[in-house]
């Protein structure tokens, strides 16, 4: 059977082979509640004529380097859809970044699964408020993926599934805890470098470069003031779309360019000012 955290009538699951959905429409109508007979039959392993059950041992909850022993097997792979039941899953692609966010209390511990391949965390949360779309957070300099926020229309492979002989395993055997859009903005909106140090940790400090200072002065000149200025964040309200919360427009430290986390869009300062000037004339 599934971990108890996923046994929610509002959640939806799809059949998968390795990491790919088996059938078209998996993220629309070709998916199942956890107790649907077709889904139960799909994932139920038979060992010596008996069903295998989840076996858990509590783990420490403040460090992803400490693994629980919550393991179970499925007969076939399956995926967990985001969006349904306000479920969002943070699918990390950078080693050490989730630990940094937990250690600095940008995120709080929740039900977490370790991926089979990269052995990186999938952190499951219940989004409070209006559901968001799936969002990819990129490294501010090289534009590689840091984390995918899996929400409406996307999914991840679920715990117990196996790819190339390695299994998706439960790391934090905790409830699926709530999170807000403001918390996600605070975690992924702050101006931070995501670079590995020699010891494998992540530097998450604001970079106060001359480029950042120059862009801030120019934004003030054209009437834009930051909504959030702390030791970890410089955030503005992006003028090109409606928004709630603290802000989702930030300044890239190396160039002084601007980046909107909501639209996943990049501007040089001159292009940003030109587009804003046109918008204000309309």
C-alpha atoms as a PDB file:
ATOM      1  CA  UNK A   1       0.000   0.000   0.000  1.00  0.00           C
ATOM      2  CA  UNK A   2       0.998   3.640  -0.358  1.00  0.00           C
ATOM      3  CA  UNK A   3       2.568   5.632   2.463  1.00  0.00           C
ATOM      4  CA  UNK A   4      -0.248   6.927   4.652  1.00  0.00           C
ATOM      5  CA  UNK A   5       0.635  10.522   3.681  1.00  0.00           C
ATOM      6  CA  UNK A   6      -0.487   9.863   0.080  1.00  0.00           C
ATOM      7  CA  UNK A   7      -3.723   8.091   0.996  1.00  0.00           C
ATOM      8  CA  UNK A   8      -5.857  11.145   0.320  1.00  0.00           C
ATOM      9  CA  UNK A   9      -9.011  10.990  -1.816  1.00  0.00           C
ATOM     10  CA  UNK A  10      -8.150  14.323  -3.425  1.00  0.00           C
ATOM     11  CA  UNK A  11      -4.727  13.237  -4.707  1.00  0.00           C
ATOM     12  CA  UNK A  12      -4.306  11.640  -8.129  1.00  0.00           C
ATOM     13  CA  UNK A  13      -1.840   9.023  -9.403  1.00  0.00           C
ATOM     14  CA  UNK A  14      -0.834   7.712 -12.829  1.00  0.00           C
ATOM     15  CA  UNK A  15       0.752   4.539 -14.142  1.00  0.00           C
ATOM     16  CA  UNK A  16       4.396   4.799 -15.216  1.00  0.00           C
ATOM     17  CA  UNK A  17       7.150   2.748 -16.809  1.00  0.00           C
ATOM     18  CA  UNK A  18      10.552   3.773 -15.483  1.00  0.00           C
ATOM     19  CA  UNK A  19      10.053   7.557 -15.246  1.00  0.00           C
ATOM     20  CA  UNK A  20       7.546   7.997 -18.092  1.00  0.00           C
ATOM     21  CA  UNK A  21       3.731   7.868 -18.008  1.00  0.00           C
ATOM     22  CA  UNK A  22       2.309   4.737 -19.614  1.00  0.00           C
ATOM     23  CA  UNK A  23      -0.778   6.277 -21.223  1.00  0.00           C
ATOM     24  CA  UNK A  24      -1.840   9.554 -22.876  1.00  0.00           C
ATOM     25  CA  UNK A  25      -3.919  11.960 -20.808  1.00  0.00           C
ATOM     26  CA  UNK A  26      -2.150  10.986 -17.588  1.00  0.00           C
ATOM     27  CA  UNK A  27      -2.248  14.588 -16.312  1.00  0.00           C
ATOM     28  CA  UNK A  28      -5.834  15.251 -17.398  1.00  0.00           C
ATOM     29  CA  UNK A  29      -8.314  12.406 -16.945  1.00  0.00           C
ATOM     30  CA  UNK A  30      -6.284   9.187 -17.219  1.00  0.00           C
ATOM     31  CA  UNK A  31      -5.334   9.033 -13.544  1.00  0.00           C
ATOM     32  CA  UNK A  32      -6.717   7.522 -10.356  1.00  0.00           C
ATOM     33  CA  UNK A  33      -7.500   7.995  -6.701  1.00  0.00           C
ATOM     34  CA  UNK A  34      -5.226   5.974  -4.431  1.00  0.00           C
ATOM     35  CA  UNK A  35      -7.939   3.378  -3.696  1.00  0.00           C
ATOM     36  CA  UNK A  36      -9.150   2.843  -7.271  1.00  0.00           C
ATOM     37  CA  UNK A  37      -9.014  -0.931  -8.005  1.00  0.00           C
ATOM     38  CA  UNK A  38      -6.991  -0.459 -11.201  1.00  0.00           C
ATOM     39  CA  UNK A  39      -4.370   1.611  -9.419  1.00  0.00           C
ATOM     40  CA  UNK A  40      -4.239  -0.685  -6.386  1.00  0.00           C
ATOM     41  CA  UNK A  41      -3.710  -3.678  -8.666  1.00  0.00           C
ATOM     42  CA  UNK A  42      -1.028  -1.794 -10.598  1.00  0.00           C
ATOM     43  CA  UNK A  43       1.193  -1.015  -7.603  1.00  0.00           C
ATOM     44  CA  UNK A  44       0.558  -3.999  -5.318  1.00  0.00           C
ATOM     45  CA  UNK A  45       3.589  -6.330  -5.108  1.00  0.00           C
ATOM     46  CA  UNK A  46       3.104  -9.985  -4.245  1.00  0.00           C
ATOM     47  CA  UNK A  47       5.835 -11.670  -2.205  1.00  0.00           C
ATOM     48  CA  UNK A  48       5.331 -15.313  -1.293  1.00  0.00           C
ATOM     49  CA  UNK A  49       1.609 -14.892  -1.837  1.00  0.00           C
ATOM     50  CA  UNK A  50       1.334 -11.966   0.599  1.00  0.00           C
ATOM     51  CA  UNK A  51       1.181  -8.221   0.063  1.00  0.00           C
ATOM     52  CA  UNK A  52       4.267  -6.268   1.143  1.00  0.00           C
ATOM     53  CA  UNK A  53       3.621  -3.449   3.608  1.00  0.00           C
ATOM     54  CA  UNK A  54       5.366  -0.210   4.500  1.00  0.00           C
ATOM     55  CA  UNK A  55       7.884  -0.537   7.321  1.00  0.00           C
ATOM     56  CA  UNK A  56       9.114   2.676   8.929  1.00  0.00           C
ATOM     57  CA  UNK A  57      11.625   3.772  11.499  1.00  0.00           C
ATOM     58  CA  UNK A  58      11.551   7.462  12.604  1.00  0.00           C
ATOM     59  CA  UNK A  59      14.375   9.675  11.387  1.00  0.00           C
ATOM     60  CA  UNK A  60      15.825  12.977  12.514  1.00  0.00           C
ATOM     61  CA  UNK A  61      13.921  15.821  10.875  1.00  0.00           C
ATOM     62  CA  UNK A  62      16.432  18.639  10.592  1.00  0.00           C
ATOM     63  CA  UNK A  63      18.997  17.250   8.178  1.00  0.00           C
ATOM     64  CA  UNK A  64      18.529  15.485   4.858  1.00  0.00           C
ATOM     65  CA  UNK A  65      21.811  13.655   5.403  1.00  0.00           C
ATOM     66  CA  UNK A  66      20.066  11.438   7.979  1.00  0.00           C
ATOM     67  CA  UNK A  67      17.914   8.868   6.198  1.00  0.00           C
ATOM     68  CA  UNK A  68      14.895   7.099   7.646  1.00  0.00           C
ATOM     69  CA  UNK A  69      14.343   3.435   6.881  1.00  0.00           C
ATOM     70  CA  UNK A  70      10.854   3.861   5.473  1.00  0.00           C
ATOM     71  CA  UNK A  71      10.846   1.436   2.542  1.00  0.00           C
ATOM     72  CA  UNK A  72       8.237  -0.406   0.553  1.00  0.00           C
ATOM     73  CA  UNK A  73       8.092  -1.891  -2.917  1.00  0.00           C
ATOM     74  CA  UNK A  74       5.611  -1.534  -5.759  1.00  0.00           C
ATOM     75  CA  UNK A  75       4.968  -4.021  -8.529  1.00  0.00           C
ATOM     76  CA  UNK A  76       5.138  -1.265 -11.158  1.00  0.00           C
ATOM     77  CA  UNK A  77       6.114   2.392 -11.128  1.00  0.00           C
ATOM     78  CA  UNK A  78       3.597   5.171 -10.617  1.00  0.00           C
ATOM     79  CA  UNK A  79       3.527   8.954 -10.545  1.00  0.00           C
ATOM     80  CA  UNK A  80       2.031  11.500  -8.161  1.00  0.00           C
ATOM     81  CA  UNK A  81       0.253  14.456  -9.780  1.00  0.00           C
ATOM     82  CA  UNK A  82       0.693  17.975  -8.466  1.00  0.00           C
ATOM     83  CA  UNK A  83      -2.228  20.345  -8.096  1.00  0.00           C
ATOM     84  CA  UNK A  84      -4.867  17.849  -6.965  1.00  0.00           C
ATOM     85  CA  UNK A  85      -5.719  18.344  -3.303  1.00  0.00           C
ATOM     86  CA  UNK A  86      -3.454  21.434  -3.400  1.00  0.00           C
ATOM     87  CA  UNK A  87      -0.395  19.176  -3.491  1.00  0.00           C
ATOM     88  CA  UNK A  88       2.913  20.716  -4.591  1.00  0.00           C
ATOM     89  CA  UNK A  89       6.227  18.843  -4.734  1.00  0.00           C
ATOM     90  CA  UNK A  90       9.637  20.518  -4.694  1.00  0.00           C
ATOM     91  CA  UNK A  91      11.848  18.456  -7.012  1.00  0.00           C
ATOM     92  CA  UNK A  92      15.447  19.511  -6.313  1.00  0.00           C
ATOM     93  CA  UNK A  93      18.213  19.278  -8.926  1.00  0.00           C
ATOM     94  CA  UNK A  94      21.091  20.793  -6.899  1.00  0.00           C
ATOM     95  CA  UNK A  95      22.798  18.841  -4.139  1.00  0.00           C
ATOM     96  CA  UNK A  96      22.786  20.621  -0.771  1.00  0.00           C
ATOM     97  CA  UNK A  97      20.205  23.287  -1.637  1.00  0.00           C
ATOM     98  CA  UNK A  98      17.290  21.685   0.225  1.00  0.00           C
ATOM     99  CA  UNK A  99      19.476  21.301   3.331  1.00  0.00           C
ATOM    100  CA  UNK A 100      20.398  25.000   3.092  1.00  0.00           C
ATOM    101  CA  UNK A 101      16.738  26.035   2.926  1.00  0.00           C
ATOM    102  CA  UNK A 102      15.828  23.823   5.896  1.00  0.00           C
ATOM    103  CA  UNK A 103      18.793  24.928   7.965  1.00  0.00           C
ATOM    104  CA  UNK A 104      17.930  28.607   7.442  1.00  0.00           C
ATOM    105  CA  UNK A 105      14.185  27.990   7.931  1.00  0.00           C
ATOM    106  CA  UNK A 106      13.104  29.103   4.462  1.00  0.00           C
ATOM    107  CA  UNK A 107      11.368  25.704   4.342  1.00  0.00           C
ATOM    108  CA  UNK A 108      10.136  23.441   7.113  1.00  0.00           C
ATOM    109  CA  UNK A 109      10.427  19.649   7.243  1.00  0.00           C
ATOM    110  CA  UNK A 110       7.655  17.707   5.530  1.00  0.00           C
ATOM    111  CA  UNK A 111       7.065  14.307   3.920  1.00  0.00           C
ATOM    112  CA  UNK A 112      10.127  13.835   1.709  1.00  0.00           C
ATOM    113  CA  UNK A 113      11.168  11.183  -0.806  1.00  0.00           C
ATOM    114  CA  UNK A 114      14.679  10.558  -2.107  1.00  0.00           C
ATOM    115  CA  UNK A 115      14.882  10.113  -5.897  1.00  0.00           C
ATOM    116  CA  UNK A 116      16.270   6.899  -7.342  1.00  0.00           C
ATOM    117  CA  UNK A 117      18.846   8.384  -9.701  1.00  0.00           C
ATOM    118  CA  UNK A 118      20.410  11.564  -8.307  1.00  0.00           C
ATOM    119  CA  UNK A 119      19.376  10.744  -4.713  1.00  0.00           C
ATOM    120  CA  UNK A 120      17.913  14.245  -4.329  1.00  0.00           C
ATOM    121  CA  UNK A 121      14.808  15.186  -2.319  1.00  0.00           C
ATOM    122  CA  UNK A 122      11.202  15.466  -3.442  1.00  0.00           C
ATOM    123  CA  UNK A 123       9.548  17.557  -0.701  1.00  0.00           C
ATOM    124  CA  UNK A 124       5.739  17.292  -0.557  1.00  0.00           C
ATOM    125  CA  UNK A 125       3.647  20.253   0.674  1.00  0.00           C
ATOM    126  CA  UNK A 126      -0.002  21.288   0.841  1.00  0.00           C
ATOM    127  CA  UNK A 127      -0.292  24.727  -0.810  1.00  0.00           C
ATOM    128  CA  UNK A 128      -2.497  27.121   1.140  1.00  0.00           C
ATOM    129  CA  UNK A 129      -4.573  29.391  -1.103  1.00  0.00           C
ATOM    130  CA  UNK A 130      -4.898  29.502  -4.880  1.00  0.00           C
ATOM    131  CA  UNK A 131      -3.059  26.759  -6.785  1.00  0.00           C
ATOM    132  CA  UNK A 132      -0.079  27.801  -8.892  1.00  0.00           C
ATOM    133  CA  UNK A 133       1.247  26.393 -12.137  1.00  0.00           C
ATOM    134  CA  UNK A 134       4.348  24.230 -12.307  1.00  0.00           C
ATOM    135  CA  UNK A 135       7.387  26.508 -12.034  1.00  0.00           C
ATOM    136  CA  UNK A 136      11.054  25.943 -12.843  1.00  0.00           C
ATOM    137  CA  UNK A 137      13.549  27.891 -10.738  1.00  0.00           C
ATOM    138  CA  UNK A 138      16.822  28.534 -12.584  1.00  0.00           C
ATOM    139  CA  UNK A 139      20.317  29.336 -11.425  1.00  0.00           C
ATOM    140  CA  UNK A 140      20.659  33.138 -11.822  1.00  0.00           C
ATOM    141  CA  UNK A 141      23.953  32.880 -13.669  1.00  0.00           C
ATOM    142  CA  UNK A 142      24.092  29.746 -15.794  1.00  0.00           C
ATOM    143  CA  UNK A 143      20.302  29.208 -16.041  1.00  0.00           C
ATOM    144  CA  UNK A 144      20.492  25.533 -15.098  1.00  0.00           C
ATOM    145  CA  UNK A 145      17.579  24.108 -13.124  1.00  0.00           C
ATOM    146  CA  UNK A 146      17.804  24.441  -9.333  1.00  0.00           C
ATOM    147  CA  UNK A 147      14.358  23.091  -8.449  1.00  0.00           C
ATOM    148  CA  UNK A 148      11.051  22.338 -10.158  1.00  0.00           C
ATOM    149  CA  UNK A 149       7.935  23.260  -8.196  1.00  0.00           C
ATOM    150  CA  UNK A 150       5.618  20.483  -9.361  1.00  0.00           C
ATOM    151  CA  UNK A 151       2.036  21.742  -9.324  1.00  0.00           C
ATOM    152  CA  UNK A 152      -0.912  21.747 -11.739  1.00  0.00           C
ATOM    153  CA  UNK A 153      -0.354  19.576 -14.815  1.00  0.00           C
ATOM    154  CA  UNK A 154       2.881  17.856 -13.782  1.00  0.00           C
ATOM    155  CA  UNK A 155       4.003  14.964 -11.604  1.00  0.00           C
ATOM    156  CA  UNK A 156       6.891  13.060 -10.065  1.00  0.00           C
ATOM    157  CA  UNK A 157       7.587   9.347  -9.732  1.00  0.00           C
ATOM    158  CA  UNK A 158       6.259   8.106  -6.396  1.00  0.00           C
ATOM    159  CA  UNK A 159       7.985   6.375  -3.482  1.00  0.00           C
ATOM    160  CA  UNK A 160       8.441   2.636  -3.870  1.00  0.00           C
ATOM    161  CA  UNK A 161       8.974   2.895  -7.629  1.00  0.00           C
ATOM    162  CA  UNK A 162      12.241   1.591  -9.055  1.00  0.00           C
ATOM    163  CA  UNK A 163      14.462   2.838 -11.900  1.00  0.00           C
ATOM    164  CA  UNK A 164      17.605   0.957 -12.975  1.00  0.00           C
ATOM    165  CA  UNK A 165      17.605  -1.102  -9.829  1.00  0.00           C
ATOM    166  CA  UNK A 166      17.361   1.864  -7.456  1.00  0.00           C
ATOM    167  CA  UNK A 167      14.232   2.732  -5.528  1.00  0.00           C
ATOM    168  CA  UNK A 168      12.503   5.997  -4.645  1.00  0.00           C
ATOM    169  CA  UNK A 169      12.656   5.938  -0.830  1.00  0.00           C
ATOM    170  CA  UNK A 170      10.901   7.814   1.943  1.00  0.00           C
ATOM    171  CA  UNK A 171      13.385  10.088   3.743  1.00  0.00           C
ATOM    172  CA  UNK A 172      11.237  12.099   6.141  1.00  0.00           C
ATOM    173  CA  UNK A 173       8.289  10.019   7.350  1.00  0.00           C
ATOM    174  CA  UNK A 174       6.350  13.163   8.343  1.00  0.00           C
ATOM    175  CA  UNK A 175       2.895  14.575   7.541  1.00  0.00           C
ATOM    176  CA  UNK A 176       2.528  16.624   4.361  1.00  0.00           C
ATOM    177  CA  UNK A 177       2.804  20.084   5.888  1.00  0.00           C
ATOM    178  CA  UNK A 178       1.294  23.360   4.618  1.00  0.00           C
ATOM    179  CA  UNK A 179       3.175  26.038   2.688  1.00  0.00           C
ATOM    180  CA  UNK A 180       2.114  29.406   1.258  1.00  0.00           C
ATOM    181  CA  UNK A 181       3.051  31.246  -1.928  1.00  0.00           C
ATOM    182  CA  UNK A 182       4.793  33.840   0.249  1.00  0.00           C
ATOM    183  CA  UNK A 183       6.939  31.094   1.782  1.00  0.00           C
ATOM    184  CA  UNK A 184       7.838  29.768  -1.672  1.00  0.00           C
ATOM    185  CA  UNK A 185       8.708  33.311  -2.773  1.00  0.00           C
ATOM    186  CA  UNK A 186      10.887  33.767   0.301  1.00  0.00           C
ATOM    187  CA  UNK A 187      12.649  30.457  -0.391  1.00  0.00           C
ATOM    188  CA  UNK A 188      13.225  30.829  -4.132  1.00  0.00           C
ATOM    189  CA  UNK A 189      12.766  34.548  -4.791  1.00  0.00           C
ATOM    190  CA  UNK A 190      15.671  35.887  -2.701  1.00  0.00           C
ATOM    191  CA  UNK A 191      18.755  37.006  -4.564  1.00  0.00           C
ATOM    192  CA  UNK A 192      21.172  34.215  -3.767  1.00  0.00           C
ATOM    193  CA  UNK A 193      24.068  32.426  -5.393  1.00  0.00           C
ATOM    194  CA  UNK A 194      23.699  28.660  -5.582  1.00  0.00           C
ATOM    195  CA  UNK A 195      27.281  27.498  -5.763  1.00  0.00           C
ATOM    196  CA  UNK A 196      28.924  24.458  -4.207  1.00  0.00           C
ATOM    197  CA  UNK A 197      31.742  25.026  -1.779  1.00  0.00           C
ATOM    198  CA  UNK A 198      34.515  22.476  -1.356  1.00  0.00           C
ATOM    199  CA  UNK A 199      32.610  20.802   1.464  1.00  0.00           C
ATOM    200  CA  UNK A 200      29.517  20.453  -0.732  1.00  0.00           C
ATOM    201  CA  UNK A 201      27.441  23.065   1.108  1.00  0.00           C
ATOM    202  CA  UNK A 202      25.587  25.862  -0.623  1.00  0.00           C
ATOM    203  CA  UNK A 203      26.241  29.569  -0.288  1.00  0.00           C
ATOM    204  CA  UNK A 204      22.889  31.351  -0.025  1.00  0.00           C
ATOM    205  CA  UNK A 205      23.948  34.905   0.784  1.00  0.00           C
ATOM    206  CA  UNK A 206      22.869  38.060  -0.995  1.00  0.00           C
ATOM    207  CA  UNK A 207      25.598  39.338  -3.291  1.00  0.00           C
ATOM    208  CA  UNK A 208      25.892  43.127  -2.903  1.00  0.00           C
ATOM    209  CA  UNK A 209      27.723  43.843  -6.130  1.00  0.00           C
ATOM    210  CA  UNK A 210      28.184  47.227  -7.841  1.00  0.00           C
ATOM    211  CA  UNK A 211      25.866  45.944 -10.584  1.00  0.00           C
ATOM    212  CA  UNK A 212      23.083  45.303  -8.048  1.00  0.00           C
ATOM    213  CA  UNK A 213      23.587  48.748  -6.466  1.00  0.00           C
ATOM    214  CA  UNK A 214      23.484  50.514  -9.852  1.00  0.00           C
ATOM    215  CA  UNK A 215      20.276  48.729 -10.897  1.00  0.00           C
ATOM    216  CA  UNK A 216      18.621  49.534  -7.557  1.00  0.00           C
ATOM    217  CA  UNK A 217      19.391  53.246  -8.038  1.00  0.00           C
ATOM    218  CA  UNK A 218      17.947  53.185 -11.570  1.00  0.00           C
ATOM    219  CA  UNK A 219      14.791  51.358 -10.469  1.00  0.00           C
ATOM    220  CA  UNK A 220      14.242  53.937  -7.730  1.00  0.00           C
ATOM    221  CA  UNK A 221      14.635  56.667 -10.341  1.00  0.00           C
ATOM    222  CA  UNK A 222      11.814  55.203 -12.468  1.00  0.00           C
ATOM    223  CA  UNK A 223       9.543  54.723  -9.463  1.00  0.00           C
ATOM    224  CA  UNK A 224      10.158  51.117  -8.389  1.00  0.00           C
ATOM    225  CA  UNK A 225      11.072  50.445  -4.772  1.00  0.00           C
ATOM    226  CA  UNK A 226      11.807  47.015  -3.298  1.00  0.00           C
ATOM    227  CA  UNK A 227       9.036  45.339  -1.339  1.00  0.00           C
ATOM    228  CA  UNK A 228      11.448  43.087   0.537  1.00  0.00           C
ATOM    229  CA  UNK A 229      14.984  44.031   1.587  1.00  0.00           C
ATOM    230  CA  UNK A 230      16.602  41.722   4.133  1.00  0.00           C
ATOM    231  CA  UNK A 231      19.976  40.087   4.525  1.00  0.00           C
ATOM    232  CA  UNK A 232      18.690  37.329   2.232  1.00  0.00           C
ATOM    233  CA  UNK A 233      16.416  39.023  -0.279  1.00  0.00           C
ATOM    234  CA  UNK A 234      15.858  42.001  -2.556  1.00  0.00           C
ATOM    235  CA  UNK A 235      12.430  41.633  -4.161  1.00  0.00           C
ATOM    236  CA  UNK A 236      10.259  43.943  -6.236  1.00  0.00           C
ATOM    237  CA  UNK A 237       6.697  43.702  -7.490  1.00  0.00           C
ATOM    238  CA  UNK A 238       6.977  42.881 -11.196  1.00  0.00           C
ATOM    239  CA  UNK A 239       5.016  45.567 -13.095  1.00  0.00           C
ATOM    240  CA  UNK A 240       4.103  43.243 -15.973  1.00  0.00           C
ATOM    241  CA  UNK A 241       1.571  40.987 -14.238  1.00  0.00           C
ATOM    242  CA  UNK A 242      -0.802  40.978 -11.246  1.00  0.00           C
ATOM    243  CA  UNK A 243       0.670  39.563  -8.065  1.00  0.00           C
ATOM    244  CA  UNK A 244       0.155  39.016  -4.370  1.00  0.00           C
ATOM    245  CA  UNK A 245       2.796  38.490  -1.732  1.00  0.00           C
ATOM    246  CA  UNK A 246       6.130  40.085  -1.085  1.00  0.00           C
ATOM    247  CA  UNK A 247       7.532  40.306  -4.602  1.00  0.00           C
ATOM    248  CA  UNK A 248       8.859  38.169  -7.449  1.00  0.00           C
ATOM    249  CA  UNK A 249      11.237  40.410  -9.389  1.00  0.00           C
ATOM    250  CA  UNK A 250      14.906  40.370  -8.397  1.00  0.00           C
ATOM    251  CA  UNK A 251      18.310  41.608  -9.580  1.00  0.00           C
ATOM    252  CA  UNK A 252      20.956  39.184 -10.818  1.00  0.00           C
ATOM    253  CA  UNK A 253      24.228  39.776  -8.960  1.00  0.00           C
ATOM    254  CA  UNK A 254      26.743  39.388 -11.772  1.00  0.00           C
ATOM    255  CA  UNK A 255      25.101  41.603 -14.386  1.00  0.00           C
ATOM    256  CA  UNK A 256      22.492  43.769 -12.668  1.00  0.00           C
ATOM    257  CA  UNK A 257      19.903  42.294 -15.024  1.00  0.00           C
ATOM    258  CA  UNK A 258      16.355  41.605 -13.834  1.00  0.00           C
ATOM    259  CA  UNK A 259      14.625  38.262 -13.383  1.00  0.00           C
ATOM    260  CA  UNK A 260      10.926  37.547 -12.745  1.00  0.00           C
ATOM    261  CA  UNK A 261      10.336  34.266 -10.910  1.00  0.00           C
ATOM    262  CA  UNK A 262       6.622  34.288 -11.813  1.00  0.00           C
ATOM    263  CA  UNK A 263       7.067  34.598 -15.585  1.00  0.00           C
ATOM    264  CA  UNK A 264      10.549  32.993 -15.655  1.00  0.00           C
ATOM    265  CA  UNK A 265      11.645  35.973 -17.747  1.00  0.00           C
ATOM    266  CA  UNK A 266      14.973  37.819 -18.029  1.00  0.00           C
ATOM    267  CA  UNK A 267      15.645  41.439 -19.002  1.00  0.00           C
ATOM    268  CA  UNK A 268      18.695  43.634 -19.264  1.00  0.00           C
ATOM    269  CA  UNK A 269      18.101  46.880 -17.404  1.00  0.00           C
ATOM    270  CA  UNK A 270      17.696  48.857 -20.640  1.00  0.00           C
ATOM    271  CA  UNK A 271      15.210  46.348 -22.111  1.00  0.00           C
ATOM    272  CA  UNK A 272      13.258  46.339 -18.848  1.00  0.00           C
ATOM    273  CA  UNK A 273      13.021  50.153 -18.813  1.00  0.00           C
ATOM    274  CA  UNK A 274      11.960  50.248 -22.474  1.00  0.00           C
ATOM    275  CA  UNK A 275       9.227  47.658 -21.972  1.00  0.00           C
ATOM    276  CA  UNK A 276       8.003  49.416 -18.829  1.00  0.00           C
ATOM    277  CA  UNK A 277       7.904  52.766 -20.665  1.00  0.00           C
ATOM    278  CA  UNK A 278       5.743  51.234 -23.417  1.00  0.00           C
ATOM    279  CA  UNK A 279       3.422  49.642 -20.855  1.00  0.00           C
ATOM    280  CA  UNK A 280       2.946  52.962 -19.036  1.00  0.00           C
ATOM    281  CA  UNK A 281       2.001  54.694 -22.292  1.00  0.00           C
ATOM    282  CA  UNK A 282      -0.789  52.191 -23.058  1.00  0.00           C
END
